Amino acid sequence: PDWRRLYERREPYKTNILPQKACVLTGGIDVQKDRLEVQLLAWAKGKESWSIDYRVFPGDTSDLSASGPWANVTKLLQETWQREDGATFGLRLVAIDSGYNTQVVYDFVRRYPSNRVIATKGQDSMQMLVGSPSAVDVFSNGKRVRRGLKVWSIGASMAKSELYGLLRLDKPTEQELAEHGYPPGFAHFPEYGEDFFRQLTAEQLTKKLIKGFTKFEWEKVYERNEALDTWILCRVAAAIVGIDRFTPEQWQEMQGISTAIQTKEEIKGAQSAANPGETVDRVGPRSIPRKKSSFW
């Protein structure tokens, strides 16, 4: 997709506020040597999405101490966000890429429940968006720890293809918007700078002839692609939460909640009651129905 076209269709909505239609909030974290890059996406029916914030936590990502960048992620997991109607939400699930500083990522993810923070690993050849999680912890005899850390495989090529297809969707006219709303999967972005959209469209699928066989590979056309990677991680987290399987009735029930709003005192009490090293699974309207995921 043309980054200029996406830049020109930016929307003047406020960051860190969920739109009225949104019901699920996920996060994606890309790990670099000297920084963590984080994107937050809010999701609504039809997989319509809004990027509500993009943050960079500078520092040595091998440092898990209180002075390192991971301390900012800990704080992020304790934050709450308000929807336009005042309903309060926390991050439902955060996906972290484990391709760099792998063991450090594993050590951080172990601090949290598996329905709160997950480690991921991209697989270009995988023909599905998300694969089954694989255990990485082992006993001294070589057997895998059944309830140990698991890493989720991501079909990176499939995820990029899906996103780029969505980014090519035309913004509806006022009449189309009034009659039908936004098309399914439409991705909204606030007034980020040019570099964000260059990163979001930083790769292209190219065809190569290798030993007589045609092979398609993703190649960078821009030096940085963190905005792309973090968006995909948010999408993967949303898929694991189950947004692809939510029924229209479930979306309607979640979207319609506006009165079951937790107060700051309730949120604080819930966080203090959590076990040491853990955070509350989800802070938000208590009456949101949670469909049991087949992944757990």
Protein backbone atom coordinates (compact mmCIF):
# COMPACT_ATOMS: atom_id res chain seq x y z
CA PRO A 1 0.00 0.00 0.00
CA ASP A 2 1.05 3.59 -0.64
CA TRP A 3 2.24 5.14 2.62
CA ARG A 4 1.31 8.63 1.38
CA ARG A 5 -2.30 7.58 0.85
CA LEU A 6 -2.45 6.21 4.40
CA TYR A 7 -0.79 9.34 5.77
CA GLU A 8 -3.36 11.54 4.03
CA ARG A 9 -6.32 9.58 5.42
CA ARG A 10 -5.22 9.93 9.05
CA GLU A 11 -8.01 10.73 11.47
CA PRO A 12 -7.97 13.46 14.15
CA TYR A 13 -9.09 11.25 17.03
CA LYS A 14 -7.42 11.42 20.44
CA THR A 15 -4.91 8.75 21.35
CA ASN A 16 -5.34 6.55 24.44
CA ILE A 17 -9.14 6.76 24.25
CA LEU A 18 -11.13 3.83 22.89
CA PRO A 19 -13.85 4.64 20.35
CA GLN A 20 -17.43 3.83 21.29
CA LYS A 21 -17.55 0.70 19.12
CA ALA A 22 -14.35 -0.85 20.52
CA CYS A 23 -14.58 -3.78 22.94
CA VAL A 24 -11.10 -5.37 23.02
CA LEU A 25 -7.66 -3.83 23.55
CA THR A 26 -4.43 -5.66 22.64
CA GLY A 27 -0.75 -4.76 22.57
CA GLY A 28 2.24 -5.73 20.46
CA ILE A 29 5.89 -5.26 21.45
CA ASP A 30 8.88 -5.40 19.11
CA VAL A 31 12.28 -5.89 20.76
CA GLN A 32 15.35 -4.07 19.44
CA LYS A 33 18.82 -3.84 20.98
CA ASP A 34 18.36 -0.36 22.45
CA ARG A 35 14.59 0.01 22.74
CA LEU A 36 11.18 -1.59 22.96
CA GLU A 37 8.53 -0.38 20.50
CA VAL A 38 4.90 -0.79 21.48
CA GLN A 39 1.62 -0.35 19.62
CA LEU A 40 -1.87 -0.61 21.11
CA LEU A 41 -4.92 -1.52 19.02
CA ALA A 42 -8.60 -1.34 19.91
CA TRP A 43 -10.89 -3.81 18.13
CA ALA A 44 -14.58 -3.81 17.22
CA LYS A 45 -17.03 -6.02 15.35
CA GLY A 46 -15.85 -7.06 11.90
CA LYS A 47 -12.20 -6.73 13.02
CA GLU A 48 -12.36 -2.96 12.58
CA SER A 49 -9.36 -1.54 14.43
CA TRP A 50 -7.95 1.72 15.80
CA SER A 51 -4.32 2.33 16.66
CA ILE A 52 -4.73 4.22 19.92
CA ASP A 53 -1.07 4.71 20.84
CA TYR A 54 2.53 4.05 19.80
CA ARG A 55 5.26 4.17 22.42
CA VAL A 56 9.03 3.71 22.45
CA PHE A 57 10.82 2.64 25.64
CA PRO A 58 14.56 3.33 25.20
CA GLY A 59 17.23 1.33 27.01
CA ASP A 60 19.23 -1.87 26.90
CA THR A 61 16.63 -4.59 26.30
CA SER A 62 18.83 -7.20 27.98
CA ASP A 63 18.26 -5.33 31.26
CA LEU A 64 15.28 -6.69 33.22
CA SER A 65 15.97 -4.55 36.27
CA ALA A 66 13.80 -1.68 37.51
CA SER A 67 16.01 0.78 35.62
CA GLY A 68 15.66 -1.04 32.28
CA PRO A 69 13.03 -0.56 29.55
CA TRP A 70 11.00 -3.60 30.64
CA ALA A 71 9.92 -1.71 33.76
CA ASN A 72 7.85 0.50 31.44
CA VAL A 73 6.08 -2.59 30.09
CA THR A 74 5.22 -3.60 33.64
CA LYS A 75 3.63 -0.19 34.16
CA LEU A 76 1.83 -0.46 30.82
CA LEU A 77 0.21 -3.73 31.90
CA GLN A 78 -1.22 -1.98 34.95
CA GLU A 79 -2.72 0.93 33.00
CA THR A 80 -6.38 1.33 32.15
CA TRP A 81 -8.02 3.17 29.26
CA GLN A 82 -11.44 4.73 28.97
CA ARG A 83 -13.88 4.30 26.15
CA GLU A 84 -15.78 7.33 24.88
CA ASP A 85 -18.76 6.38 27.03
CA GLY A 86 -16.60 6.14 30.16
CA ALA A 87 -16.26 2.34 30.35
CA THR A 88 -12.79 1.30 31.53
CA PHE A 89 -10.60 -1.32 29.87
CA GLY A 90 -7.20 -2.88 30.41
CA LEU A 91 -5.01 -4.68 27.91
CA ARG A 92 -6.64 -8.02 27.21
CA LEU A 93 -3.48 -9.64 25.85
CA VAL A 94 0.04 -8.48 24.92
CA ALA A 95 2.20 -10.31 22.36
CA ILE A 96 5.99 -9.89 22.44
CA ASP A 97 8.30 -10.89 19.59
CA SER A 98 11.02 -13.22 20.87
CA GLY A 99 13.23 -13.06 17.79
CA TYR A 100 15.80 -10.83 19.52
CA ASN A 101 17.05 -11.18 23.11
CA THR A 102 15.04 -14.38 23.17
CA GLN A 103 15.91 -15.56 26.67
CA VAL A 104 15.25 -12.12 28.15
CA VAL A 105 11.80 -12.09 26.56
CA TYR A 106 11.11 -15.55 27.95
CA ASP A 107 12.17 -14.45 31.44
CA PHE A 108 9.86 -11.43 31.30
CA VAL A 109 6.87 -13.39 29.97
CA ARG A 110 7.27 -15.98 32.75
CA ARG A 111 6.29 -13.29 35.25
CA TYR A 112 2.72 -13.18 33.92
CA PRO A 113 -0.18 -15.56 33.30
CA SER A 114 -0.38 -16.98 29.78
CA ASN A 115 -3.70 -15.21 29.19
CA ARG A 116 -2.04 -11.88 29.91
CA VAL A 117 1.35 -11.84 28.13
CA ILE A 118 2.71 -14.23 25.48
CA ALA A 119 5.96 -14.74 23.58
CA THR A 120 5.79 -15.17 19.80
CA LYS A 121 8.03 -16.29 16.97
CA GLY A 122 7.44 -15.52 13.29
CA GLN A 123 7.36 -18.31 10.70
CA ASP A 124 7.15 -17.10 7.11
CA SER A 125 6.20 -20.49 5.69
CA MET A 126 3.30 -21.18 8.04
CA GLN A 127 -0.06 -21.15 6.25
CA MET A 128 -2.14 -19.88 9.15
CA LEU A 129 -2.21 -16.71 11.19
CA VAL A 130 -1.46 -18.36 14.55
CA GLY A 131 -0.15 -21.85 15.22
CA SER A 132 -0.32 -23.97 18.34
CA PRO A 133 1.96 -22.83 21.17
CA SER A 134 5.12 -24.87 21.76
CA ALA A 135 6.61 -25.56 25.19
CA VAL A 136 10.19 -24.30 25.60
CA ASP A 137 10.86 -25.11 29.26
CA VAL A 138 12.44 -28.53 29.91
CA PHE A 139 13.38 -30.66 32.90
CA SER A 140 16.91 -31.96 33.46
CA ASN A 141 15.92 -35.22 31.75
CA GLY A 142 14.98 -33.35 28.59
CA LYS A 143 11.21 -33.67 28.95
CA ARG A 144 9.20 -30.52 28.33
CA VAL A 145 7.51 -28.85 31.28
CA ARG A 146 3.81 -29.26 30.66
CA ARG A 147 2.80 -26.00 32.31
CA GLY A 148 5.99 -24.14 31.49
CA LEU A 149 6.50 -21.23 29.10
CA LYS A 150 4.99 -21.63 25.65
CA VAL A 151 5.85 -19.72 22.49
CA TRP A 152 3.20 -18.98 19.87
CA SER A 153 4.11 -19.37 16.21
CA ILE A 154 2.97 -16.61 13.86
CA GLY A 155 2.31 -16.99 10.14
CA ALA A 156 4.18 -13.76 9.38
CA SER A 157 3.60 -13.83 5.62
CA MET A 158 -0.12 -14.47 6.03
CA ALA A 159 -0.40 -11.70 8.62
CA LYS A 160 1.35 -9.17 6.38
CA SER A 161 -0.79 -10.13 3.40
CA GLU A 162 -3.96 -9.71 5.46
CA LEU A 163 -2.90 -6.30 6.76
CA TYR A 164 -1.84 -4.97 3.36
CA GLY A 165 -5.15 -6.07 1.91
CA LEU A 166 -6.96 -4.14 4.65
CA LEU A 167 -4.80 -1.05 4.13
CA ARG A 168 -5.89 -0.95 0.48
CA LEU A 169 -9.53 -0.57 1.44
CA ASP A 170 -11.01 2.75 0.34
CA LYS A 171 -12.30 5.07 3.00
CA PRO A 172 -16.09 5.19 2.54
CA THR A 173 -17.83 8.34 1.39
CA GLU A 174 -20.17 10.14 3.78
CA GLN A 175 -23.17 8.47 2.14
CA GLU A 176 -21.55 5.01 2.25
CA LEU A 177 -20.57 5.59 5.86
CA ALA A 178 -24.12 6.57 6.82
CA GLU A 179 -25.62 3.55 5.03
CA HIS A 180 -23.11 0.78 5.71
CA GLY A 181 -20.41 2.08 8.07
CA TYR A 182 -16.77 1.19 7.58
CA PRO A 183 -15.93 -2.01 5.69
CA PRO A 184 -14.93 -5.05 7.76
CA GLY A 185 -11.30 -4.92 8.82
CA PHE A 186 -10.87 -1.21 8.18
CA ALA A 187 -7.79 0.08 10.03
CA HIS A 188 -7.93 3.55 11.58
CA PHE A 189 -4.86 5.60 12.47
CA PRO A 190 -4.47 8.88 14.38
CA GLU A 191 -2.22 11.72 13.29
CA TYR A 192 1.09 9.86 13.52
CA GLY A 193 4.12 11.18 11.66
CA GLU A 194 5.27 10.13 8.19
CA ASP A 195 7.82 7.65 9.53
CA PHE A 196 5.09 5.50 11.11
CA PHE A 197 3.38 4.96 7.75
CA ARG A 198 6.68 4.31 5.99
CA GLN A 199 7.37 1.62 8.58
CA LEU A 200 3.86 0.20 8.26
CA THR A 201 4.39 -0.34 4.52
CA ALA A 202 8.09 -1.17 4.76
CA GLU A 203 7.93 -4.58 3.08
CA GLN A 204 6.79 -5.95 -0.24
CA LEU A 205 6.31 -9.46 -1.58
CA THR A 206 8.72 -10.19 -4.42
CA LYS A 207 8.93 -13.15 -6.79
CA LYS A 208 12.28 -14.87 -7.25
CA LEU A 209 13.47 -17.78 -9.37
CA ILE A 210 15.62 -20.06 -7.21
CA LYS A 211 17.08 -23.25 -8.78
CA GLY A 212 14.29 -23.26 -11.34
CA PHE A 213 11.51 -22.80 -8.79
CA THR A 214 9.45 -19.67 -8.21
CA LYS A 215 9.61 -18.43 -4.63
CA PHE A 216 7.95 -15.43 -3.00
CA GLU A 217 9.84 -13.53 -0.32
CA TRP A 218 9.19 -10.42 1.74
CA GLU A 219 11.80 -7.71 1.25
CA LYS A 220 12.25 -4.39 3.00
CA VAL A 221 11.71 -1.27 0.93
CA TYR A 222 12.27 0.94 3.98
CA GLU A 223 14.97 0.46 6.61
CA ARG A 224 12.62 0.21 9.59
CA ASN A 225 9.47 -1.89 9.97
CA GLU A 226 8.61 -1.76 13.68
CA ALA A 227 5.17 -0.21 13.06
CA LEU A 228 4.36 -3.18 10.81
CA ASP A 229 5.64 -5.77 13.26
CA THR A 230 3.84 -4.29 16.27
CA TRP A 231 0.54 -4.06 14.35
CA ILE A 232 0.83 -7.74 13.43
CA LEU A 233 1.58 -8.67 17.04
CA CYS A 234 -1.57 -6.82 18.14
CA ARG A 235 -3.53 -8.70 15.49
CA VAL A 236 -2.16 -12.04 16.66
CA ALA A 237 -3.07 -11.22 20.26
CA ALA A 238 -6.60 -10.34 19.13
CA ALA A 239 -6.87 -13.63 17.22
CA ILE A 240 -5.83 -15.59 20.32
CA VAL A 241 -8.37 -13.68 22.40
CA GLY A 242 -10.93 -14.89 19.88
CA ILE A 243 -12.21 -11.89 17.90
CA ASP A 244 -12.37 -14.00 14.73
CA ARG A 245 -14.82 -16.32 16.49
CA PHE A 246 -16.97 -13.84 18.40
CA THR A 247 -20.60 -14.03 17.35
CA PRO A 248 -22.56 -10.88 16.43
CA GLU A 249 -24.45 -11.29 19.69
CA GLN A 250 -21.23 -11.31 21.71
CA TRP A 251 -19.97 -8.18 19.96
CA GLN A 252 -23.29 -6.48 20.58
CA GLU A 253 -23.28 -7.34 24.27
CA MET A 254 -19.72 -6.10 24.75
CA GLN A 255 -20.17 -2.96 22.70
CA GLY A 256 -23.37 -2.00 24.48
CA ILE A 257 -21.89 -1.94 27.96
CA SER A 258 -21.75 1.60 29.33
CA THR A 259 -22.97 1.37 32.91
CA ALA A 260 -20.81 -1.37 34.46
CA ILE A 261 -17.81 0.91 34.91
CA GLN A 262 -15.23 0.13 37.54
CA THR A 263 -14.19 2.98 39.76
CA LYS A 264 -10.54 3.78 40.40
CA GLU A 265 -10.92 2.39 43.91
CA GLU A 266 -12.17 -0.95 42.58
CA ILE A 267 -9.31 -1.14 40.07
CA LYS A 268 -6.74 -0.31 42.74
CA GLY A 269 -8.20 -2.93 45.06
CA ALA A 270 -8.12 -5.58 42.35
CA GLN A 271 -4.50 -4.82 41.51
CA SER A 272 -3.37 -4.92 45.12
CA ALA A 273 -5.11 -8.27 45.58
CA ALA A 274 -3.18 -9.83 42.71
CA ASN A 275 -0.39 -12.25 43.57
CA PRO A 276 3.17 -10.85 43.63
CA GLY A 277 4.61 -10.81 40.14
CA GLU A 278 1.19 -11.00 38.54
CA THR A 279 -1.28 -8.44 37.30
CA VAL A 280 -5.04 -8.51 37.04
CA ASP A 281 -6.15 -10.59 34.04
CA ARG A 282 -8.37 -7.84 32.69
CA VAL A 283 -9.57 -4.60 34.18
CA GLY A 284 -12.83 -3.51 32.69
CA PRO A 285 -16.61 -3.89 32.81
CA ARG A 286 -17.32 -7.01 34.79
CA SER A 287 -20.32 -7.98 32.72
CA ILE A 288 -18.37 -8.42 29.48
CA PRO A 289 -18.98 -12.06 28.47
CA ARG A 290 -15.81 -14.07 27.97
CA LYS A 291 -16.04 -16.93 25.54
CA LYS A 292 -13.80 -19.79 26.59
CA SER A 293 -10.98 -20.06 24.09
CA SER A 294 -10.12 -23.39 22.54
CA PHE A 295 -6.46 -22.45 22.85
CA TRP A 296 -6.31 -22.78 26.64
